[in-house]
Amino acid sequence: MVKTLGLFLPLAFCGMSGGCFGDFGLEENRVRFGYTYSLLPDSTSPAIVNDTLFVRVAYSGCSGQHAFTLQHRFAGSSHVELWLYKDTPDQMCDAYWNELRRWRLPQSIRTSQSILLLDPSGRQYKLR
C-alpha cells in the first residue's frame, strides 16, 4: 500500500499541475498566439475591407476589451501570414466575450498577393 501511495502522489501532482505530461505544442502556441482565445468566423469576418482587417475574437474573462496585437510574417515576396497575439492574461471568470475587432493594415501587407490569417487551433483563413 505504501508503494502504491508513493507512486500515486507524484502522478496526481503531475495531473493537477499539467507539468509532467504537458503537450509541448501548447507552449509553442502560447509563444506565437499569446493567451487563450479563438476566432469566430461568420459571414462578415475574417475579411479585409479596403485597408482594414476585420476579425471576430472570443475569449473568457472577467471583462471585455482584452488587448490583441496583429502580428505578421512575410513568406516570399508576395505572401504574408497574419495572426493575433493576445496580450491580456487569461482570467478565471465565467463570462465569454465575443467581439468584432479591426486593424488597419500597413501598405506592405495590403499589397501582398496572398494573405492568410492563422488561428491558435491551426485553422487558416485565406483573405486574398
N, C-alpha and C. Protein backbone atom coordinates (compact mmCIF):
# COMPACT_ATOMS: atom_id res chain seq x y z
N MET A 1 0.82 -1.19 0.00
CA MET A 1 0.00 0.00 0.00
C MET A 1 0.86 1.25 0.00
N VAL A 2 1.95 1.25 0.74
CA VAL A 2 2.82 2.42 0.81
C VAL A 2 3.44 2.69 -0.57
N LYS A 3 3.87 1.62 -1.27
CA LYS A 3 4.44 1.80 -2.60
C LYS A 3 3.42 2.41 -3.55
N THR A 4 2.20 1.94 -3.50
CA THR A 4 1.16 2.45 -4.38
C THR A 4 0.90 3.92 -4.11
N LEU A 5 0.80 4.29 -2.84
CA LEU A 5 0.57 5.69 -2.48
C LEU A 5 1.75 6.55 -2.90
N GLY A 6 2.97 6.03 -2.75
CA GLY A 6 4.17 6.78 -3.15
C GLY A 6 4.21 7.05 -4.64
N LEU A 7 3.68 6.13 -5.43
CA LEU A 7 3.62 6.33 -6.88
C LEU A 7 2.45 7.22 -7.26
N PHE A 8 1.35 7.10 -6.53
CA PHE A 8 0.15 7.85 -6.85
C PHE A 8 0.32 9.35 -6.62
N LEU A 9 0.96 9.76 -5.54
CA LEU A 9 1.09 11.18 -5.22
C LEU A 9 1.81 11.97 -6.30
N PRO A 10 2.97 11.52 -6.78
CA PRO A 10 3.62 12.28 -7.86
C PRO A 10 2.78 12.32 -9.13
N LEU A 11 2.09 11.22 -9.45
CA LEU A 11 1.24 11.21 -10.65
C LEU A 11 0.06 12.16 -10.47
N ALA A 12 -0.51 12.19 -9.28
CA ALA A 12 -1.62 13.10 -9.02
C ALA A 12 -1.16 14.55 -9.16
N PHE A 13 0.03 14.86 -8.64
CA PHE A 13 0.56 16.21 -8.75
C PHE A 13 0.76 16.58 -10.22
N CYS A 14 1.32 15.65 -11.00
CA CYS A 14 1.55 15.92 -12.42
C CYS A 14 0.23 16.16 -13.14
N GLY A 15 -0.77 15.37 -12.81
CA GLY A 15 -2.06 15.53 -13.47
C GLY A 15 -2.70 16.86 -13.14
N MET A 16 -2.60 17.30 -11.89
CA MET A 16 -3.22 18.56 -11.49
C MET A 16 -2.43 19.76 -11.99
N SER A 17 -1.14 19.66 -12.06
CA SER A 17 -0.33 20.82 -12.46
C SER A 17 -0.17 20.92 -13.97
N GLY A 18 -0.36 19.79 -14.68
CA GLY A 18 -0.20 19.80 -16.13
C GLY A 18 1.26 19.89 -16.55
N GLY A 19 2.16 19.74 -15.61
CA GLY A 19 3.56 19.96 -15.91
C GLY A 19 4.35 18.75 -16.33
N CYS A 20 3.95 17.55 -15.95
CA CYS A 20 4.77 16.37 -16.21
C CYS A 20 4.52 15.76 -17.58
N PHE A 21 3.28 15.76 -18.02
CA PHE A 21 2.95 15.14 -19.29
C PHE A 21 2.36 16.16 -20.25
N GLY A 22 2.74 17.42 -20.09
CA GLY A 22 2.16 18.50 -20.89
C GLY A 22 2.44 18.35 -22.37
N ASP A 23 1.57 18.91 -23.18
CA ASP A 23 1.72 18.92 -24.62
C ASP A 23 2.65 20.08 -24.99
N PHE A 24 3.79 19.75 -25.59
CA PHE A 24 4.75 20.79 -25.92
C PHE A 24 4.19 21.76 -26.96
N GLY A 25 3.24 21.33 -27.78
CA GLY A 25 2.62 22.20 -28.77
C GLY A 25 1.84 23.34 -28.12
N LEU A 26 1.29 23.10 -26.93
CA LEU A 26 0.55 24.16 -26.25
C LEU A 26 1.47 25.31 -25.88
N GLU A 27 2.66 25.01 -25.41
CA GLU A 27 3.61 26.06 -25.05
C GLU A 27 4.05 26.83 -26.30
N GLU A 28 4.23 26.11 -27.39
CA GLU A 28 4.60 26.77 -28.65
C GLU A 28 3.48 27.70 -29.11
N ASN A 29 2.22 27.27 -28.94
CA ASN A 29 1.08 28.11 -29.26
C ASN A 29 1.07 29.38 -28.42
N ARG A 30 1.38 29.25 -27.13
CA ARG A 30 1.38 30.40 -26.22
C ARG A 30 2.42 31.42 -26.69
N VAL A 31 3.56 30.94 -27.14
CA VAL A 31 4.61 31.85 -27.60
C VAL A 31 4.14 32.61 -28.84
N ARG A 32 3.46 31.94 -29.75
CA ARG A 32 3.06 32.58 -31.00
C ARG A 32 1.76 33.38 -30.88
N PHE A 33 0.77 32.84 -30.16
CA PHE A 33 -0.57 33.44 -30.14
C PHE A 33 -0.92 34.13 -28.82
N GLY A 34 -0.07 34.04 -27.83
CA GLY A 34 -0.37 34.67 -26.54
C GLY A 34 -1.34 33.85 -25.73
N TYR A 35 -2.19 34.53 -24.99
CA TYR A 35 -3.13 33.86 -24.10
C TYR A 35 -4.31 33.30 -24.89
N THR A 36 -5.15 32.53 -24.23
CA THR A 36 -6.21 31.74 -24.87
C THR A 36 -7.30 32.61 -25.51
N TYR A 37 -7.59 32.31 -26.76
CA TYR A 37 -8.70 32.92 -27.49
C TYR A 37 -9.01 32.05 -28.70
N SER A 38 -10.09 32.37 -29.37
CA SER A 38 -10.40 31.70 -30.63
C SER A 38 -10.98 32.73 -31.60
N LEU A 39 -10.94 32.39 -32.87
CA LEU A 39 -11.57 33.21 -33.89
C LEU A 39 -12.94 32.62 -34.19
N LEU A 40 -13.92 33.48 -34.38
CA LEU A 40 -15.28 33.05 -34.71
C LEU A 40 -15.63 33.55 -36.10
N PRO A 41 -15.43 32.71 -37.11
CA PRO A 41 -15.77 33.16 -38.46
C PRO A 41 -17.29 33.30 -38.61
N ASP A 42 -17.70 34.31 -39.35
CA ASP A 42 -19.11 34.50 -39.68
C ASP A 42 -19.19 35.04 -41.10
N SER A 43 -20.32 35.54 -41.50
CA SER A 43 -20.49 35.97 -42.89
C SER A 43 -19.69 37.23 -43.23
N THR A 44 -19.24 37.97 -42.21
CA THR A 44 -18.51 39.21 -42.47
C THR A 44 -17.05 39.19 -42.02
N SER A 45 -16.65 38.17 -41.32
CA SER A 45 -15.26 38.13 -40.85
C SER A 45 -14.79 36.69 -40.72
N PRO A 46 -13.51 36.44 -40.81
CA PRO A 46 -12.49 37.44 -41.05
C PRO A 46 -12.52 37.93 -42.51
N ALA A 47 -12.18 39.18 -42.67
CA ALA A 47 -12.18 39.77 -44.01
C ALA A 47 -11.32 41.03 -44.02
N ILE A 48 -10.83 41.34 -45.21
CA ILE A 48 -10.15 42.61 -45.43
C ILE A 48 -11.10 43.48 -46.25
N VAL A 49 -11.41 44.65 -45.73
CA VAL A 49 -12.24 45.62 -46.43
C VAL A 49 -11.41 46.89 -46.56
N ASN A 50 -11.14 47.25 -47.83
CA ASN A 50 -10.25 48.37 -48.14
C ASN A 50 -8.89 48.11 -47.49
N ASP A 51 -8.51 48.86 -46.48
CA ASP A 51 -7.19 48.67 -45.85
C ASP A 51 -7.30 48.14 -44.43
N THR A 52 -8.46 47.54 -44.08
CA THR A 52 -8.70 47.14 -42.69
C THR A 52 -9.05 45.65 -42.59
N LEU A 53 -8.43 44.98 -41.64
CA LEU A 53 -8.74 43.59 -41.32
C LEU A 53 -9.81 43.56 -40.24
N PHE A 54 -10.88 42.80 -40.48
CA PHE A 54 -11.95 42.60 -39.50
C PHE A 54 -11.91 41.15 -39.04
N VAL A 55 -11.88 40.96 -37.72
CA VAL A 55 -11.80 39.62 -37.13
C VAL A 55 -12.69 39.57 -35.90
N ARG A 56 -13.50 38.52 -35.78
CA ARG A 56 -14.30 38.31 -34.56
C ARG A 56 -13.51 37.38 -33.65
N VAL A 57 -13.21 37.87 -32.44
CA VAL A 57 -12.46 37.09 -31.46
C VAL A 57 -13.38 36.70 -30.31
N ALA A 58 -13.06 35.59 -29.65
CA ALA A 58 -13.82 35.13 -28.50
C ALA A 58 -12.85 34.64 -27.43
N TYR A 59 -13.18 34.93 -26.18
CA TYR A 59 -12.34 34.51 -25.05
C TYR A 59 -13.16 34.62 -23.78
N SER A 60 -12.71 33.94 -22.73
CA SER A 60 -13.39 34.07 -21.45
C SER A 60 -12.59 35.03 -20.58
N GLY A 61 -13.29 35.65 -19.64
CA GLY A 61 -12.60 36.59 -18.76
C GLY A 61 -13.58 37.39 -17.94
N CYS A 62 -13.04 38.15 -17.03
CA CYS A 62 -13.86 38.96 -16.12
C CYS A 62 -14.36 40.24 -16.79
N SER A 63 -13.67 40.68 -17.83
CA SER A 63 -14.05 41.91 -18.53
C SER A 63 -13.71 41.76 -20.00
N GLY A 64 -14.34 42.59 -20.82
CA GLY A 64 -14.07 42.57 -22.25
C GLY A 64 -12.91 43.50 -22.60
N GLN A 65 -12.75 43.71 -23.89
CA GLN A 65 -11.72 44.60 -24.43
C GLN A 65 -10.30 44.16 -24.07
N HIS A 66 -10.04 42.85 -24.11
CA HIS A 66 -8.67 42.37 -23.91
C HIS A 66 -7.80 42.86 -25.06
N ALA A 67 -6.53 43.05 -24.78
CA ALA A 67 -5.60 43.60 -25.76
C ALA A 67 -5.08 42.51 -26.70
N PHE A 68 -5.12 42.80 -27.99
CA PHE A 68 -4.57 41.94 -29.04
C PHE A 68 -3.62 42.77 -29.89
N THR A 69 -2.59 42.12 -30.40
CA THR A 69 -1.64 42.76 -31.31
C THR A 69 -1.63 41.96 -32.60
N LEU A 70 -1.72 42.65 -33.72
CA LEU A 70 -1.64 41.98 -35.02
C LEU A 70 -0.17 41.71 -35.34
N GLN A 71 0.13 40.45 -35.61
CA GLN A 71 1.48 40.02 -35.97
C GLN A 71 1.48 39.58 -37.44
N HIS A 72 2.64 39.60 -38.06
CA HIS A 72 2.72 39.13 -39.44
C HIS A 72 4.12 38.59 -39.75
N ARG A 73 4.14 37.78 -40.81
CA ARG A 73 5.40 37.21 -41.30
C ARG A 73 5.29 37.09 -42.81
N PHE A 74 6.30 37.63 -43.51
CA PHE A 74 6.34 37.50 -44.96
C PHE A 74 6.97 36.17 -45.32
N ALA A 75 6.32 35.45 -46.21
CA ALA A 75 6.84 34.17 -46.70
C ALA A 75 6.99 34.30 -48.21
N GLY A 76 8.15 34.72 -48.63
CA GLY A 76 8.35 35.00 -50.05
C GLY A 76 8.00 36.45 -50.34
N SER A 77 8.05 36.80 -51.62
CA SER A 77 7.87 38.20 -51.98
C SER A 77 6.41 38.64 -52.03
N SER A 78 5.46 37.70 -52.16
CA SER A 78 4.07 38.12 -52.33
C SER A 78 3.09 37.41 -51.39
N HIS A 79 3.59 36.74 -50.36
CA HIS A 79 2.75 36.00 -49.44
C HIS A 79 3.00 36.47 -48.00
N VAL A 80 1.93 36.69 -47.26
CA VAL A 80 2.07 37.10 -45.86
C VAL A 80 1.11 36.29 -45.00
N GLU A 81 1.57 35.93 -43.83
CA GLU A 81 0.73 35.26 -42.83
C GLU A 81 0.47 36.24 -41.69
N LEU A 82 -0.79 36.33 -41.27
CA LEU A 82 -1.19 37.19 -40.16
C LEU A 82 -1.70 36.33 -39.02
N TRP A 83 -1.53 36.80 -37.79
CA TRP A 83 -2.15 36.16 -36.64
C TRP A 83 -2.25 37.19 -35.54
N LEU A 84 -3.12 36.91 -34.58
CA LEU A 84 -3.30 37.79 -33.44
C LEU A 84 -2.55 37.23 -32.25
N TYR A 85 -1.94 38.14 -31.51
CA TYR A 85 -1.29 37.79 -30.26
C TYR A 85 -2.12 38.42 -29.14
N LYS A 86 -2.65 37.59 -28.23
CA LYS A 86 -3.47 38.11 -27.13
C LYS A 86 -2.55 38.48 -25.97
N ASP A 87 -2.49 39.77 -25.69
CA ASP A 87 -1.60 40.29 -24.65
C ASP A 87 -2.18 40.16 -23.25
N THR A 88 -3.49 40.24 -23.12
CA THR A 88 -4.13 40.21 -21.80
C THR A 88 -4.14 38.78 -21.27
N PRO A 89 -3.63 38.57 -20.05
CA PRO A 89 -3.61 37.21 -19.48
C PRO A 89 -5.02 36.63 -19.33
N ASP A 90 -5.09 35.29 -19.34
CA ASP A 90 -6.35 34.60 -19.11
C ASP A 90 -6.89 34.98 -17.73
N GLN A 91 -8.21 35.07 -17.64
CA GLN A 91 -8.87 35.41 -16.38
C GLN A 91 -9.86 34.30 -16.05
N MET A 92 -9.87 33.88 -14.81
CA MET A 92 -10.72 32.78 -14.37
C MET A 92 -12.12 33.31 -14.01
N CYS A 93 -12.92 33.58 -15.04
CA CYS A 93 -14.29 34.04 -14.87
C CYS A 93 -15.18 33.30 -15.86
N ASP A 94 -16.46 33.27 -15.59
CA ASP A 94 -17.40 32.54 -16.44
C ASP A 94 -17.86 33.32 -17.67
N ALA A 95 -17.62 34.60 -17.72
CA ALA A 95 -18.09 35.40 -18.86
C ALA A 95 -17.35 34.98 -20.13
N TYR A 96 -18.06 35.00 -21.25
CA TYR A 96 -17.48 34.65 -22.55
C TYR A 96 -17.70 35.84 -23.48
N TRP A 97 -16.63 36.45 -23.92
CA TRP A 97 -16.69 37.66 -24.72
C TRP A 97 -16.53 37.32 -26.19
N ASN A 98 -17.30 38.02 -27.02
CA ASN A 98 -17.31 37.82 -28.46
C ASN A 98 -17.30 39.23 -29.06
N GLU A 99 -16.19 39.61 -29.68
CA GLU A 99 -16.03 40.99 -30.13
C GLU A 99 -15.51 41.04 -31.57
N LEU A 100 -16.04 41.97 -32.34
CA LEU A 100 -15.51 42.23 -33.68
C LEU A 100 -14.41 43.27 -33.53
N ARG A 101 -13.21 42.90 -33.94
CA ARG A 101 -12.05 43.80 -33.85
C ARG A 101 -11.59 44.17 -35.24
N ARG A 102 -10.85 45.27 -35.32
CA ARG A 102 -10.32 45.71 -36.61
C ARG A 102 -8.92 46.27 -36.46
N TRP A 103 -8.11 46.06 -37.51
CA TRP A 103 -6.75 46.58 -37.58
C TRP A 103 -6.52 47.17 -38.97
N ARG A 104 -5.97 48.34 -39.00
CA ARG A 104 -5.57 48.94 -40.28
C ARG A 104 -4.27 48.27 -40.70
N LEU A 105 -4.24 47.76 -41.92
CA LEU A 105 -3.08 47.02 -42.40
C LEU A 105 -2.05 47.96 -43.01
N PRO A 106 -0.78 47.73 -42.72
CA PRO A 106 0.28 48.53 -43.35
C PRO A 106 0.32 48.28 -44.86
N GLN A 107 0.84 49.22 -45.59
CA GLN A 107 0.94 49.14 -47.05
C GLN A 107 1.64 47.86 -47.50
N SER A 108 2.68 47.47 -46.81
CA SER A 108 3.45 46.28 -47.20
C SER A 108 2.59 45.01 -47.16
N ILE A 109 1.60 44.97 -46.29
CA ILE A 109 0.70 43.81 -46.21
C ILE A 109 -0.42 43.96 -47.23
N ARG A 110 -0.98 45.15 -47.36
CA ARG A 110 -2.10 45.38 -48.29
C ARG A 110 -1.74 45.04 -49.72
N THR A 111 -0.49 45.22 -50.11
CA THR A 111 -0.09 44.98 -51.49
C THR A 111 0.32 43.54 -51.75
N SER A 112 0.29 42.69 -50.74
CA SER A 112 0.64 41.27 -50.92
C SER A 112 -0.44 40.57 -51.75
N GLN A 113 -0.01 39.67 -52.62
CA GLN A 113 -0.96 38.93 -53.46
C GLN A 113 -1.71 37.86 -52.67
N SER A 114 -1.06 37.29 -51.67
CA SER A 114 -1.66 36.22 -50.89
C SER A 114 -1.58 36.57 -49.41
N ILE A 115 -2.74 36.54 -48.73
CA ILE A 115 -2.78 36.85 -47.30
C ILE A 115 -3.56 35.75 -46.58
N LEU A 116 -2.91 35.11 -45.61
CA LEU A 116 -3.54 34.08 -44.78
C LEU A 116 -3.63 34.57 -43.35
N LEU A 117 -4.76 34.29 -42.70
CA LEU A 117 -4.91 34.56 -41.27
C LEU A 117 -4.88 33.22 -40.55
N LEU A 118 -4.00 33.09 -39.58
CA LEU A 118 -3.84 31.86 -38.81
C LEU A 118 -4.53 32.01 -37.46
N ASP A 119 -5.10 30.91 -36.95
CA ASP A 119 -5.67 30.98 -35.60
C ASP A 119 -5.04 29.93 -34.71
N PRO A 120 -5.19 30.05 -33.40
CA PRO A 120 -4.50 29.15 -32.47
C PRO A 120 -4.86 27.68 -32.64
N SER A 121 -6.02 27.37 -33.20
CA SER A 121 -6.42 25.97 -33.37
C SER A 121 -5.79 25.32 -34.60
N GLY A 122 -5.07 26.12 -35.40
CA GLY A 122 -4.44 25.58 -36.60
C GLY A 122 -5.20 25.87 -37.89
N ARG A 123 -6.37 26.47 -37.77
CA ARG A 123 -7.14 26.83 -38.97
C ARG A 123 -6.47 28.00 -39.69
N GLN A 124 -6.66 28.02 -40.99
CA GLN A 124 -6.14 29.10 -41.82
C GLN A 124 -7.29 29.68 -42.64
N TYR A 125 -7.32 31.01 -42.71
CA TYR A 125 -8.36 31.70 -43.46
C TYR A 125 -7.68 32.46 -44.59
N LYS A 126 -8.03 32.10 -45.83
CA LYS A 126 -7.45 32.79 -46.99
C LYS A 126 -8.22 34.08 -47.19
N LEU A 127 -7.54 35.19 -46.99
CA LEU A 127 -8.16 36.51 -47.12
C LEU A 127 -7.96 37.10 -48.51
N ARG A 128 -6.91 36.65 -49.16
CA ARG A 128 -6.63 37.08 -50.54
C ARG A 128 -5.73 36.05 -51.18
